[in-house]
Amino acid sequence: MSDDTAPGINAAAAPTLAGLPSEAQVLESLKVVKDPEIPVNVVDLGLIYGVDITAEGVVDVTMTLTSVGCPVQDLIRSDAEMAVMRLDGVNRVNVEFVWTPPWSPEKMTDDGKRQMRMFGFSI
């Protein structure tokens, strides 16, 4: 698995529909979304559990947060929706938060772990 793909997501395996972004492009767009309390993007944190792109240009993002009571859930949802909407061919974005499986630091990419260590977190 490369540092550019969230754990459990094989972006290269999904076929791309003409005029629509690929799963890899959606994941790349989500790298601008950060949890304000943690200086790492949601992809490298391992918070993205799945991406589904329909022929109608609807992108469904399944993700989690580092804690169930995260006070910035609405902000992260809004940022994720705006980031993906910027891609050509996207007509609507749905972000669904799920809590199983629960997030843990093991879900982070190697790059995410390096970033956390640079900011003084022991990961």
PDB file of N, CA and C in Angstrom:
ATOM      1  N   MET A   1       0.853  -1.181   0.000  1.00  0.00           N
ATOM      2  CA  MET A   1       0.000   0.000   0.000  1.00  0.00           C
ATOM      3  C   MET A   1       0.890   1.232   0.000  1.00  0.00           C
ATOM      4  N   SER A   2       0.566   2.198  -0.815  1.00  0.00           N
ATOM      5  CA  SER A   2       1.370   3.410  -0.880  1.00  0.00           C
ATOM      6  C   SER A   2       0.916   4.390   0.178  1.00  0.00           C
ATOM      7  N   ASP A   3       1.734   5.393   0.417  1.00  0.00           N
ATOM      8  CA  ASP A   3       1.384   6.433   1.379  1.00  0.00           C
ATOM      9  C   ASP A   3       0.237   7.289   0.889  1.00  0.00           C
ATOM     10  N   ASP A   4      -0.106   7.221  -0.394  1.00  0.00           N
ATOM     11  CA  ASP A   4      -1.125   8.091  -0.971  1.00  0.00           C
ATOM     12  C   ASP A   4      -2.535   7.535  -0.858  1.00  0.00           C
ATOM     13  N   THR A   5      -2.701   6.343  -0.352  1.00  0.00           N
ATOM     14  CA  THR A   5      -4.018   5.726  -0.298  1.00  0.00           C
ATOM     15  C   THR A   5      -4.357   5.387   1.139  1.00  0.00           C
ATOM     16  N   ALA A   6      -5.586   5.665   1.519  1.00  0.00           N
ATOM     17  CA  ALA A   6      -6.033   5.351   2.866  1.00  0.00           C
ATOM     18  C   ALA A   6      -6.052   3.854   3.060  1.00  0.00           C
ATOM     19  N   PRO A   7      -5.770   3.377   4.278  1.00  0.00           N
ATOM     20  CA  PRO A   7      -5.808   1.939   4.537  1.00  0.00           C
ATOM     21  C   PRO A   7      -7.168   1.360   4.168  1.00  0.00           C
ATOM     22  N   GLY A   8      -7.150   0.200   3.534  1.00  0.00           N
ATOM     23  CA  GLY A   8      -8.392  -0.482   3.199  1.00  0.00           C
ATOM     24  C   GLY A   8      -9.040  -0.002   1.916  1.00  0.00           C
ATOM     25  N   ILE A   9      -8.475   1.014   1.273  1.00  0.00           N
ATOM     26  CA  ILE A   9      -9.065   1.534   0.051  1.00  0.00           C
ATOM     27  C   ILE A   9      -8.089   1.286  -1.094  1.00  0.00           C
ATOM     28  N   ASN A  10      -8.543   0.579  -2.121  1.00  0.00           N
ATOM     29  CA  ASN A  10      -7.722   0.311  -3.293  1.00  0.00           C
ATOM     30  C   ASN A  10      -8.227   1.193  -4.424  1.00  0.00           C
ATOM     31  N   ALA A  11      -7.746   2.433  -4.455  1.00  0.00           N
ATOM     32  CA  ALA A  11      -8.238   3.411  -5.426  1.00  0.00           C
ATOM     33  C   ALA A  11      -7.929   3.004  -6.859  1.00  0.00           C
ATOM     34  N   ALA A  12      -6.862   2.275  -7.076  1.00  0.00           N
ATOM     35  CA  ALA A  12      -6.497   1.901  -8.441  1.00  0.00           C
ATOM     36  C   ALA A  12      -7.416   0.821  -9.005  1.00  0.00           C
ATOM     37  N   ALA A  13      -8.091   0.070  -8.148  1.00  0.00           N
ATOM     38  CA  ALA A  13      -8.898  -1.053  -8.609  1.00  0.00           C
ATOM     39  C   ALA A  13     -10.250  -0.628  -9.174  1.00  0.00           C
ATOM     40  N   ALA A  14     -10.735   0.540  -8.814  1.00  0.00           N
ATOM     41  CA  ALA A  14     -12.066   0.967  -9.233  1.00  0.00           C
ATOM     42  C   ALA A  14     -12.027   1.562 -10.639  1.00  0.00           C
ATOM     43  N   PRO A  15     -12.932   1.123 -11.515  1.00  0.00           N
ATOM     44  CA  PRO A  15     -12.973   1.710 -12.855  1.00  0.00           C
ATOM     45  C   PRO A  15     -13.494   3.146 -12.792  1.00  0.00           C
ATOM     46  N   THR A  16     -13.066   3.971 -13.732  1.00  0.00           N
ATOM     47  CA  THR A  16     -13.506   5.354 -13.784  1.00  0.00           C
ATOM     48  C   THR A  16     -14.550   5.503 -14.883  1.00  0.00           C
ATOM     49  N   LEU A  17     -15.678   6.116 -14.544  1.00  0.00           N
ATOM     50  CA  LEU A  17     -16.706   6.399 -15.539  1.00  0.00           C
ATOM     51  C   LEU A  17     -16.323   7.672 -16.275  1.00  0.00           C
ATOM     52  N   ALA A  18     -16.604   7.728 -17.574  1.00  0.00           N
ATOM     53  CA  ALA A  18     -16.228   8.875 -18.397  1.00  0.00           C
ATOM     54  C   ALA A  18     -16.799  10.164 -17.818  1.00  0.00           C
ATOM     55  N   GLY A  19     -15.952  11.187 -17.690  1.00  0.00           N
ATOM     56  CA  GLY A  19     -16.386  12.488 -17.207  1.00  0.00           C
ATOM     57  C   GLY A  19     -16.486  12.610 -15.704  1.00  0.00           C
ATOM     58  N   LEU A  20     -16.192  11.514 -14.993  1.00  0.00           N
ATOM     59  CA  LEU A  20     -16.275  11.530 -13.539  1.00  0.00           C
ATOM     60  C   LEU A  20     -14.887  11.362 -12.931  1.00  0.00           C
ATOM     61  N   PRO A  21     -14.701  11.861 -11.720  1.00  0.00           N
ATOM     62  CA  PRO A  21     -13.397  11.679 -11.082  1.00  0.00           C
ATOM     63  C   PRO A  21     -13.204  10.221 -10.670  1.00  0.00           C
ATOM     64  N   SER A  22     -11.975   9.835 -10.539  1.00  0.00           N
ATOM     65  CA  SER A  22     -11.658   8.501 -10.037  1.00  0.00           C
ATOM     66  C   SER A  22     -11.683   8.529  -8.511  1.00  0.00           C
ATOM     67  N   GLU A  23     -11.689   7.366  -7.917  1.00  0.00           N
ATOM     68  CA  GLU A  23     -11.618   7.280  -6.460  1.00  0.00           C
ATOM     69  C   GLU A  23     -10.329   7.927  -5.959  1.00  0.00           C
ATOM     70  N   ALA A  24      -9.232   7.718  -6.693  1.00  0.00           N
ATOM     71  CA  ALA A  24      -7.957   8.321  -6.303  1.00  0.00           C
ATOM     72  C   ALA A  24      -8.046   9.851  -6.320  1.00  0.00           C
ATOM     73  N   GLN A  25      -8.741  10.412  -7.300  1.00  0.00           N
ATOM     74  CA  GLN A  25      -8.903  11.870  -7.363  1.00  0.00           C
ATOM     75  C   GLN A  25      -9.754  12.374  -6.199  1.00  0.00           C
ATOM     76  N   VAL A  26     -10.785  11.625  -5.835  1.00  0.00           N
ATOM     77  CA  VAL A  26     -11.609  12.015  -4.684  1.00  0.00           C
ATOM     78  C   VAL A  26     -10.757  11.997  -3.421  1.00  0.00           C
ATOM     79  N   LEU A  27      -9.984  10.940  -3.233  1.00  0.00           N
ATOM     80  CA  LEU A  27      -9.122  10.863  -2.053  1.00  0.00           C
ATOM     81  C   LEU A  27      -8.111  12.007  -2.028  1.00  0.00           C
ATOM     82  N   GLU A  28      -7.552  12.320  -3.179  1.00  0.00           N
ATOM     83  CA  GLU A  28      -6.591  13.429  -3.237  1.00  0.00           C
ATOM     84  C   GLU A  28      -7.274  14.741  -2.864  1.00  0.00           C
ATOM     85  N   SER A  29      -8.509  14.960  -3.333  1.00  0.00           N
ATOM     86  CA  SER A  29      -9.224  16.195  -3.002  1.00  0.00           C
ATOM     87  C   SER A  29      -9.513  16.278  -1.505  1.00  0.00           C
ATOM     88  N   LEU A  30      -9.717  15.141  -0.867  1.00  0.00           N
ATOM     89  CA  LEU A  30     -10.011  15.127   0.568  1.00  0.00           C
ATOM     90  C   LEU A  30      -8.794  15.417   1.435  1.00  0.00           C
ATOM     91  N   LYS A  31      -7.610  15.425   0.837  1.00  0.00           N
ATOM     92  CA  LYS A  31      -6.401  15.705   1.612  1.00  0.00           C
ATOM     93  C   LYS A  31      -6.316  17.157   2.079  1.00  0.00           C
ATOM     94  N   VAL A  32      -7.190  18.027   1.577  1.00  0.00           N
ATOM     95  CA  VAL A  32      -7.213  19.407   2.086  1.00  0.00           C
ATOM     96  C   VAL A  32      -8.035  19.517   3.366  1.00  0.00           C
ATOM     97  N   VAL A  33      -8.772  18.459   3.716  1.00  0.00           N
ATOM     98  CA  VAL A  33      -9.646  18.472   4.884  1.00  0.00           C
ATOM     99  C   VAL A  33      -8.858  17.982   6.094  1.00  0.00           C
ATOM    100  N   LYS A  34      -8.814  18.831   7.112  1.00  0.00           N
ATOM    101  CA  LYS A  34      -8.081  18.470   8.329  1.00  0.00           C
ATOM    102  C   LYS A  34      -8.973  18.611   9.547  1.00  0.00           C
ATOM    103  N   ASP A  35      -8.721  17.762  10.504  1.00  0.00           N
ATOM    104  CA  ASP A  35      -9.339  17.904  11.810  1.00  0.00           C
ATOM    105  C   ASP A  35      -8.614  19.077  12.468  1.00  0.00           C
ATOM    106  N   PRO A  36      -9.334  20.127  12.896  1.00  0.00           N
ATOM    107  CA  PRO A  36      -8.662  21.302  13.469  1.00  0.00           C
ATOM    108  C   PRO A  36      -7.797  20.992  14.695  1.00  0.00           C
ATOM    109  N   GLU A  37      -8.079  19.888  15.374  1.00  0.00           N
ATOM    110  CA  GLU A  37      -7.315  19.545  16.571  1.00  0.00           C
ATOM    111  C   GLU A  37      -6.082  18.700  16.258  1.00  0.00           C
ATOM    112  N   ILE A  38      -6.047  18.123  15.064  1.00  0.00           N
ATOM    113  CA  ILE A  38      -4.929  17.258  14.671  1.00  0.00           C
ATOM    114  C   ILE A  38      -4.408  17.775  13.336  1.00  0.00           C
ATOM    115  N   PRO A  39      -3.128  18.100  13.242  1.00  0.00           N
ATOM    116  CA  PRO A  39      -2.587  18.743  12.035  1.00  0.00           C
ATOM    117  C   PRO A  39      -2.330  17.797  10.867  1.00  0.00           C
ATOM    118  N   VAL A  40      -3.227  16.825  10.632  1.00  0.00           N
ATOM    119  CA  VAL A  40      -3.058  15.852   9.556  1.00  0.00           C
ATOM    120  C   VAL A  40      -4.383  15.728   8.820  1.00  0.00           C
ATOM    121  N   ASN A  41      -4.332  15.546   7.514  1.00  0.00           N
ATOM    122  CA  ASN A  41      -5.572  15.449   6.727  1.00  0.00           C
ATOM    123  C   ASN A  41      -6.313  14.143   7.009  1.00  0.00           C
ATOM    124  N   VAL A  42      -7.607  14.141   6.668  1.00  0.00           N
ATOM    125  CA  VAL A  42      -8.487  13.010   6.988  1.00  0.00           C
ATOM    126  C   VAL A  42      -8.105  11.726   6.252  1.00  0.00           C
ATOM    127  N   VAL A  43      -7.468  11.831   5.095  1.00  0.00           N
ATOM    128  CA  VAL A  43      -7.042  10.639   4.356  1.00  0.00           C
ATOM    129  C   VAL A  43      -5.873   9.990   5.078  1.00  0.00           C
ATOM    130  N   ASP A  44      -4.845  10.785   5.398  1.00  0.00           N
ATOM    131  CA  ASP A  44      -3.670  10.232   6.076  1.00  0.00           C
ATOM    132  C   ASP A  44      -3.967   9.822   7.511  1.00  0.00           C
ATOM    133  N   LEU A  45      -4.994  10.407   8.113  1.00  0.00           N
ATOM    134  CA  LEU A  45      -5.414   9.962   9.438  1.00  0.00           C
ATOM    135  C   LEU A  45      -6.116   8.598   9.388  1.00  0.00           C
ATOM    136  N   GLY A  46      -6.513   8.178   8.194  1.00  0.00           N
ATOM    137  CA  GLY A  46      -7.201   6.903   8.061  1.00  0.00           C
ATOM    138  C   GLY A  46      -8.676   7.004   8.381  1.00  0.00           C
ATOM    139  N   LEU A  47      -9.246   8.200   8.228  1.00  0.00           N
ATOM    140  CA  LEU A  47     -10.654   8.414   8.554  1.00  0.00           C
ATOM    141  C   LEU A  47     -11.596   8.084   7.397  1.00  0.00           C
ATOM    142  N   ILE A  48     -11.076   7.938   6.191  1.00  0.00           N
ATOM    143  CA  ILE A  48     -11.919   7.637   5.031  1.00  0.00           C
ATOM    144  C   ILE A  48     -12.039   6.126   4.901  1.00  0.00           C
ATOM    145  N   TYR A  49     -13.256   5.622   5.024  1.00  0.00           N
ATOM    146  CA  TYR A  49     -13.493   4.182   4.959  1.00  0.00           C
ATOM    147  C   TYR A  49     -13.968   3.736   3.583  1.00  0.00           C
ATOM    148  N   GLY A  50     -14.526   4.659   2.786  1.00  0.00           N
ATOM    149  CA  GLY A  50     -14.979   4.257   1.470  1.00  0.00           C
ATOM    150  C   GLY A  50     -15.423   5.432   0.622  1.00  0.00           C
ATOM    151  N   VAL A  51     -15.318   5.250  -0.691  1.00  0.00           N
ATOM    152  CA  VAL A  51     -15.755   6.247  -1.671  1.00  0.00           C
ATOM    153  C   VAL A  51     -16.528   5.502  -2.750  1.00  0.00           C
ATOM    154  N   ASP A  52     -17.727   5.997  -3.048  1.00  0.00           N
ATOM    155  CA  ASP A  52     -18.536   5.402  -4.108  1.00  0.00           C
ATOM    156  C   ASP A  52     -18.960   6.527  -5.045  1.00  0.00           C
ATOM    157  N   ILE A  53     -18.760   6.327  -6.336  1.00  0.00           N
ATOM    158  CA  ILE A  53     -19.078   7.336  -7.347  1.00  0.00           C
ATOM    159  C   ILE A  53     -20.109   6.737  -8.296  1.00  0.00           C
ATOM    160  N   THR A  54     -21.272   7.394  -8.413  1.00  0.00           N
ATOM    161  CA  THR A  54     -22.311   6.884  -9.309  1.00  0.00           C
ATOM    162  C   THR A  54     -22.184   7.527 -10.684  1.00  0.00           C
ATOM    163  N   ALA A  55     -22.850   6.931 -11.650  1.00  0.00           N
ATOM    164  CA  ALA A  55     -22.846   7.456 -13.019  1.00  0.00           C
ATOM    165  C   ALA A  55     -23.497   8.823 -13.097  1.00  0.00           C
ATOM    166  N   GLU A  56     -24.312   9.178 -12.102  1.00  0.00           N
ATOM    167  CA  GLU A  56     -24.988  10.477 -12.077  1.00  0.00           C
ATOM    168  C   GLU A  56     -24.122  11.569 -11.453  1.00  0.00           C
ATOM    169  N   GLY A  57     -22.905  11.234 -11.060  1.00  0.00           N
ATOM    170  CA  GLY A  57     -22.016  12.227 -10.463  1.00  0.00           C
ATOM    171  C   GLY A  57     -22.245  12.446  -8.981  1.00  0.00           C
ATOM    172  N   VAL A  58     -22.831  11.455  -8.335  1.00  0.00           N
ATOM    173  CA  VAL A  58     -23.017  11.520  -6.880  1.00  0.00           C
ATOM    174  C   VAL A  58     -21.856  10.775  -6.235  1.00  0.00           C
ATOM    175  N   VAL A  59     -21.187  11.446  -5.304  1.00  0.00           N
ATOM    176  CA  VAL A  59     -20.064  10.834  -4.599  1.00  0.00           C
ATOM    177  C   VAL A  59     -20.483  10.620  -3.150  1.00  0.00           C
ATOM    178  N   ASP A  60     -20.460   9.373  -2.730  1.00  0.00           N
ATOM    179  CA  ASP A  60     -20.749   9.016  -1.347  1.00  0.00           C
ATOM    180  C   ASP A  60     -19.430   8.725  -0.651  1.00  0.00           C
ATOM    181  N   VAL A  61     -19.172   9.451   0.418  1.00  0.00           N
ATOM    182  CA  VAL A  61     -17.959   9.258   1.200  1.00  0.00           C
ATOM    183  C   VAL A  61     -18.371   8.703   2.563  1.00  0.00           C
ATOM    184  N   THR A  62     -17.824   7.557   2.898  1.00  0.00           N
ATOM    185  CA  THR A  62     -18.041   6.976   4.215  1.00  0.00           C
ATOM    186  C   THR A  62     -16.773   7.209   5.013  1.00  0.00           C
ATOM    187  N   MET A  63     -16.946   7.832   6.171  1.00  0.00           N
ATOM    188  CA  MET A  63     -15.777   8.147   6.980  1.00  0.00           C
ATOM    189  C   MET A  63     -16.124   8.072   8.457  1.00  0.00           C
ATOM    190  N   THR A  64     -15.115   8.179   9.268  1.00  0.00           N
ATOM    191  CA  THR A  64     -15.288   8.214  10.702  1.00  0.00           C
ATOM    192  C   THR A  64     -14.535   9.416  11.240  1.00  0.00           C
ATOM    193  N   LEU A  65     -14.564   9.585  12.522  1.00  0.00           N
ATOM    194  CA  LEU A  65     -13.798  10.633  13.191  1.00  0.00           C
ATOM    195  C   LEU A  65     -13.002   9.970  14.306  1.00  0.00           C
ATOM    196  N   THR A  66     -12.073  10.705  14.874  1.00  0.00           N
ATOM    197  CA  THR A  66     -11.227  10.114  15.909  1.00  0.00           C
ATOM    198  C   THR A  66     -11.991   9.848  17.198  1.00  0.00           C
ATOM    199  N   SER A  67     -13.134  10.522  17.379  1.00  0.00           N
ATOM    200  CA  SER A  67     -13.972  10.256  18.550  1.00  0.00           C
ATOM    201  C   SER A  67     -15.432  10.505  18.203  1.00  0.00           C
ATOM    202  N   VAL A  68     -16.327   9.757  18.856  1.00  0.00           N
ATOM    203  CA  VAL A  68     -17.760   9.860  18.586  1.00  0.00           C
ATOM    204  C   VAL A  68     -18.277  11.258  18.899  1.00  0.00           C
ATOM    205  N   GLY A  69     -17.810  11.869  19.952  1.00  0.00           N
ATOM    206  CA  GLY A  69     -18.305  13.187  20.352  1.00  0.00           C
ATOM    207  C   GLY A  69     -17.534  14.340  19.744  1.00  0.00           C
ATOM    208  N   CYS A  70     -16.929  14.145  18.595  1.00  0.00           N
ATOM    209  CA  CYS A  70     -16.102  15.177  17.970  1.00  0.00           C
ATOM    210  C   CYS A  70     -16.910  16.466  17.776  1.00  0.00           C
ATOM    211  N   PRO A  71     -16.473  17.566  18.390  1.00  0.00           N
ATOM    212  CA  PRO A  71     -17.239  18.813  18.311  1.00  0.00           C
ATOM    213  C   PRO A  71     -17.186  19.497  16.942  1.00  0.00           C
ATOM    214  N   VAL A  72     -16.312  19.049  16.047  1.00  0.00           N
ATOM    215  CA  VAL A  72     -16.182  19.693  14.742  1.00  0.00           C
ATOM    216  C   VAL A  72     -16.697  18.814  13.603  1.00  0.00           C
ATOM    217  N   GLN A  73     -17.580  17.882  13.932  1.00  0.00           N
ATOM    218  CA  GLN A  73     -18.129  16.968  12.932  1.00  0.00           C
ATOM    219  C   GLN A  73     -18.764  17.721  11.776  1.00  0.00           C
ATOM    220  N   ASP A  74     -19.579  18.727  12.059  1.00  0.00           N
ATOM    221  CA  ASP A  74     -20.245  19.477  10.990  1.00  0.00           C
ATOM    222  C   ASP A  74     -19.240  20.228  10.119  1.00  0.00           C
ATOM    223  N   LEU A  75     -18.195  20.772  10.721  1.00  0.00           N
ATOM    224  CA  LEU A  75     -17.154  21.475   9.971  1.00  0.00           C
ATOM    225  C   LEU A  75     -16.419  20.514   9.037  1.00  0.00           C
ATOM    226  N   ILE A  76     -16.066  19.355   9.541  1.00  0.00           N
ATOM    227  CA  ILE A  76     -15.357  18.369   8.719  1.00  0.00           C
ATOM    228  C   ILE A  76     -16.253  17.892   7.582  1.00  0.00           C
ATOM    229  N   ARG A  77     -17.534  17.653   7.872  1.00  0.00           N
ATOM    230  CA  ARG A  77     -18.471  17.241   6.814  1.00  0.00           C
ATOM    231  C   ARG A  77     -18.533  18.313   5.727  1.00  0.00           C
ATOM    232  N   SER A  78     -18.704  19.550   6.123  1.00  0.00           N
ATOM    233  CA  SER A  78     -18.800  20.659   5.170  1.00  0.00           C
ATOM    234  C   SER A  78     -17.526  20.797   4.343  1.00  0.00           C
ATOM    235  N   ASP A  79     -16.374  20.727   5.001  1.00  0.00           N
ATOM    236  CA  ASP A  79     -15.095  20.825   4.286  1.00  0.00           C
ATOM    237  C   ASP A  79     -14.930  19.684   3.290  1.00  0.00           C
ATOM    238  N   ALA A  80     -15.327  18.471   3.681  1.00  0.00           N
ATOM    239  CA  ALA A  80     -15.218  17.311   2.783  1.00  0.00           C
ATOM    240  C   ALA A  80     -16.141  17.480   1.580  1.00  0.00           C
ATOM    241  N   GLU A  81     -17.371  17.921   1.828  1.00  0.00           N
ATOM    242  CA  GLU A  81     -18.318  18.121   0.728  1.00  0.00           C
ATOM    243  C   GLU A  81     -17.788  19.167  -0.254  1.00  0.00           C
ATOM    244  N   MET A  82     -17.288  20.286   0.264  1.00  0.00           N
ATOM    245  CA  MET A  82     -16.769  21.342  -0.614  1.00  0.00           C
ATOM    246  C   MET A  82     -15.545  20.876  -1.395  1.00  0.00           C
ATOM    247  N   ALA A  83     -14.666  20.114  -0.754  1.00  0.00           N
ATOM    248  CA  ALA A  83     -13.453  19.643  -1.424  1.00  0.00           C
ATOM    249  C   ALA A  83     -13.792  18.736  -2.604  1.00  0.00           C
ATOM    250  N   VAL A  84     -14.732  17.827  -2.417  1.00  0.00           N
ATOM    251  CA  VAL A  84     -15.082  16.883  -3.481  1.00  0.00           C
ATOM    252  C   VAL A  84     -15.920  17.568  -4.562  1.00  0.00           C
ATOM    253  N   MET A  85     -16.766  18.515  -4.177  1.00  0.00           N
ATOM    254  CA  MET A  85     -17.595  19.233  -5.167  1.00  0.00           C
ATOM    255  C   MET A  85     -16.756  19.996  -6.181  1.00  0.00           C
ATOM    256  N   ARG A  86     -15.514  20.299  -5.845  1.00  0.00           N
ATOM    257  CA  ARG A  86     -14.635  21.027  -6.773  1.00  0.00           C
ATOM    258  C   ARG A  86     -14.195  20.174  -7.959  1.00  0.00           C
ATOM    259  N   LEU A  87     -14.371  18.881  -7.869  1.00  0.00           N
ATOM    260  CA  LEU A  87     -13.945  17.992  -8.948  1.00  0.00           C
ATOM    261  C   LEU A  87     -14.939  18.029 -10.106  1.00  0.00           C
ATOM    262  N   ASP A  88     -14.412  17.996 -11.328  1.00  0.00           N
ATOM    263  CA  ASP A  88     -15.264  17.955 -12.521  1.00  0.00           C
ATOM    264  C   ASP A  88     -16.144  16.719 -12.503  1.00  0.00           C
ATOM    265  N   GLY A  89     -17.400  16.900 -12.886  1.00  0.00           N
ATOM    266  CA  GLY A  89     -18.330  15.796 -13.012  1.00  0.00           C
ATOM    267  C   GLY A  89     -19.102  15.469 -11.748  1.00  0.00           C
ATOM    268  N   VAL A  90     -18.745  16.098 -10.620  1.00  0.00           N
ATOM    269  CA  VAL A  90     -19.440  15.817  -9.363  1.00  0.00           C
ATOM    270  C   VAL A  90     -20.653  16.730  -9.245  1.00  0.00           C
ATOM    271  N   ASN A  91     -21.826  16.131  -9.050  1.00  0.00           N
ATOM    272  CA  ASN A  91     -23.067  16.889  -8.908  1.00  0.00           C
ATOM    273  C   ASN A  91     -23.555  16.980  -7.469  1.00  0.00           C
ATOM    274  N   ARG A  92     -23.189  15.990  -6.664  1.00  0.00           N
ATOM    275  CA  ARG A  92     -23.607  16.004  -5.265  1.00  0.00           C
ATOM    276  C   ARG A  92     -22.642  15.139  -4.464  1.00  0.00           C
ATOM    277  N   VAL A  93     -22.448  15.530  -3.204  1.00  0.00           N
ATOM    278  CA  VAL A  93     -21.583  14.769  -2.310  1.00  0.00           C
ATOM    279  C   VAL A  93     -22.367  14.458  -1.038  1.00  0.00           C
ATOM    280  N   ASN A  94     -22.330  13.208  -0.652  1.00  0.00           N
ATOM    281  CA  ASN A  94     -22.937  12.775   0.610  1.00  0.00           C
ATOM    282  C   ASN A  94     -21.818  12.246   1.504  1.00  0.00           C
ATOM    283  N   VAL A  95     -21.710  12.791   2.695  1.00  0.00           N
ATOM    284  CA  VAL A  95     -20.723  12.320   3.660  1.00  0.00           C
ATOM    285  C   VAL A  95     -21.474  11.638   4.788  1.00  0.00           C
ATOM    286  N   GLU A  96     -21.170  10.367   5.003  1.00  0.00           N
ATOM    287  CA  GLU A  96     -21.795   9.616   6.086  1.00  0.00           C
ATOM    288  C   GLU A  96     -20.731   9.241   7.099  1.00  0.00           C
ATOM    289  N   PHE A  97     -20.985   9.562   8.364  1.00  0.00           N
ATOM    290  CA  PHE A  97     -20.083   9.171   9.437  1.00  0.00           C
ATOM    291  C   PHE A  97     -20.534   7.836  10.008  1.00  0.00           C
ATOM    292  N   VAL A  98     -19.589   6.943  10.175  1.00  0.00           N
ATOM    293  CA  VAL A  98     -19.842   5.640  10.769  1.00  0.00           C
ATOM    294  C   VAL A  98     -18.878   5.460  11.937  1.00  0.00           C
ATOM    295  N   TRP A  99     -19.244   4.590  12.839  1.00  0.00           N
ATOM    296  CA  TRP A  99     -18.435   4.428  14.053  1.00  0.00           C
ATOM    297  C   TRP A  99     -17.894   3.018  14.200  1.00  0.00           C
ATOM    298  N   THR A 100     -18.206   2.149  13.236  1.00  0.00           N
ATOM    299  CA  THR A 100     -17.625   0.815  13.245  1.00  0.00           C
ATOM    300  C   THR A 100     -17.032   0.543  11.874  1.00  0.00           C
ATOM    301  N   PRO A 101     -15.842   0.082  11.786  1.00  0.00           N
ATOM    302  CA  PRO A 101     -14.979  -0.156  12.936  1.00  0.00           C
ATOM    303  C   PRO A 101     -14.499   1.174  13.522  1.00  0.00           C
ATOM    304  N   PRO A 102     -14.228   1.187  14.809  1.00  0.00           N
ATOM    305  CA  PRO A 102     -13.756   2.429  15.418  1.00  0.00           C
ATOM    306  C   PRO A 102     -12.370   2.807  14.893  1.00  0.00           C
ATOM    307  N   TRP A 103     -12.112   4.103  14.865  1.00  0.00           N
ATOM    308  CA  TRP A 103     -10.812   4.592  14.422  1.00  0.00           C
ATOM    309  C   TRP A 103      -9.756   4.261  15.466  1.00  0.00           C
ATOM    310  N   SER A 104      -8.558   3.997  14.988  1.00  0.00           N
ATOM    311  CA  SER A 104      -7.390   3.844  15.863  1.00  0.00           C
ATOM    312  C   SER A 104      -6.177   4.326  15.073  1.00  0.00           C
ATOM    313  N   PRO A 105      -5.104   4.679  15.758  1.00  0.00           N
ATOM    314  CA  PRO A 105      -3.903   5.159  15.053  1.00  0.00           C
ATOM    315  C   PRO A 105      -3.347   4.173  14.036  1.00  0.00           C
ATOM    316  N   GLU A 106      -3.661   2.895  14.167  1.00  0.00           N
ATOM    317  CA  GLU A 106      -3.188   1.903  13.209  1.00  0.00           C
ATOM    318  C   GLU A 106      -3.770   2.126  11.813  1.00  0.00           C
ATOM    319  N   LYS A 107      -4.866   2.865  11.711  1.00  0.00           N
ATOM    320  CA  LYS A 107      -5.506   3.133  10.419  1.00  0.00           C
ATOM    321  C   LYS A 107      -4.788   4.238   9.634  1.00  0.00           C
ATOM    322  N   MET A 108      -3.868   4.943  10.287  1.00  0.00           N
ATOM    323  CA  MET A 108      -3.162   6.049   9.632  1.00  0.00           C
ATOM    324  C   MET A 108      -2.192   5.531   8.577  1.00  0.00           C
ATOM    325  N   THR A 109      -1.978   6.345   7.538  1.00  0.00           N
ATOM    326  CA  THR A 109      -0.949   6.022   6.550  1.00  0.00           C
ATOM    327  C   THR A 109       0.421   6.276   7.178  1.00  0.00           C
ATOM    328  N   ASP A 110       1.452   5.740   6.544  1.00  0.00           N
ATOM    329  CA  ASP A 110       2.808   6.000   7.026  1.00  0.00           C
ATOM    330  C   ASP A 110       3.103   7.500   7.002  1.00  0.00           C
ATOM    331  N   ASP A 111       2.635   8.175   5.957  1.00  0.00           N
ATOM    332  CA  ASP A 111       2.844   9.617   5.863  1.00  0.00           C
ATOM    333  C   ASP A 111       2.134  10.348   7.010  1.00  0.00           C
ATOM    334  N   GLY A 112       0.925   9.913   7.334  1.00  0.00           N
ATOM    335  CA  GLY A 112       0.196  10.511   8.438  1.00  0.00           C
ATOM    336  C   GLY A 112       0.931  10.340   9.758  1.00  0.00           C
ATOM    337  N   LYS A 113       1.482   9.162   9.973  1.00  0.00           N
ATOM    338  CA  LYS A 113       2.244   8.906  11.198  1.00  0.00           C
ATOM    339  C   LYS A 113       3.492   9.787  11.256  1.00  0.00           C
ATOM    340  N   ARG A 114       4.160   9.962  10.115  1.00  0.00           N
ATOM    341  CA  ARG A 114       5.337  10.841  10.072  1.00  0.00           C
ATOM    342  C   ARG A 114       4.946  12.276  10.409  1.00  0.00           C
ATOM    343  N   GLN A 115       3.826  12.725   9.845  1.00  0.00           N
ATOM    344  CA  GLN A 115       3.370  14.083  10.126  1.00  0.00           C
ATOM    345  C   GLN A 115       3.064  14.259  11.614  1.00  0.00           C
ATOM    346  N   MET A 116       2.422  13.278  12.207  1.00  0.00           N
ATOM    347  CA  MET A 116       2.102  13.355  13.633  1.00  0.00           C
ATOM    348  C   MET A 116       3.378  13.443  14.467  1.00  0.00           C
ATOM    349  N   ARG A 117       4.385  12.647  14.122  1.00  0.00           N
ATOM    350  CA  ARG A 117       5.646  12.695  14.860  1.00  0.00           C
ATOM    351  C   ARG A 117       6.322  14.052  14.699  1.00  0.00           C
ATOM    352  N   MET A 118       6.212  14.659  13.485  1.00  0.00           N
ATOM    353  CA  MET A 118       6.815  15.985  13.274  1.00  0.00           C
ATOM    354  C   MET A 118       6.178  17.033  14.181  1.00  0.00           C
ATOM    355  N   PHE A 119       4.897  16.844  14.509  1.00  0.00           N
ATOM    356  CA  PHE A 119       4.205  17.791  15.377  1.00  0.00           C
ATOM    357  C   PHE A 119       4.294  17.411  16.846  1.00  0.00           C
ATOM    358  N   GLY A 120       5.144  16.419  17.162  1.00  0.00           N
ATOM    359  CA  GLY A 120       5.393  16.083  18.546  1.00  0.00           C
ATOM    360  C   GLY A 120       4.506  15.013  19.147  1.00  0.00           C
ATOM    361  N   PHE A 121       3.654  14.394  18.340  1.00  0.00           N
ATOM    362  CA  PHE A 121       2.816  13.309  18.837  1.00  0.00           C
ATOM    363  C   PHE A 121       3.632  12.012  18.814  1.00  0.00           C
ATOM    364  N   SER A 122       3.475  11.191  19.826  1.00  0.00           N
ATOM    365  CA  SER A 122       4.183   9.900  19.826  1.00  0.00           C
ATOM    366  C   SER A 122       3.267   8.857  19.221  1.00  0.00           C
ATOM    367  N   ILE A 123       3.540   8.557  17.997  1.00  0.00           N
ATOM    368  CA  ILE A 123       2.724   7.613  17.210  1.00  0.00           C
ATOM    369  C   ILE A 123       3.609   6.491  16.746  1.00  0.00           C
TER     370      ILE A 123
END
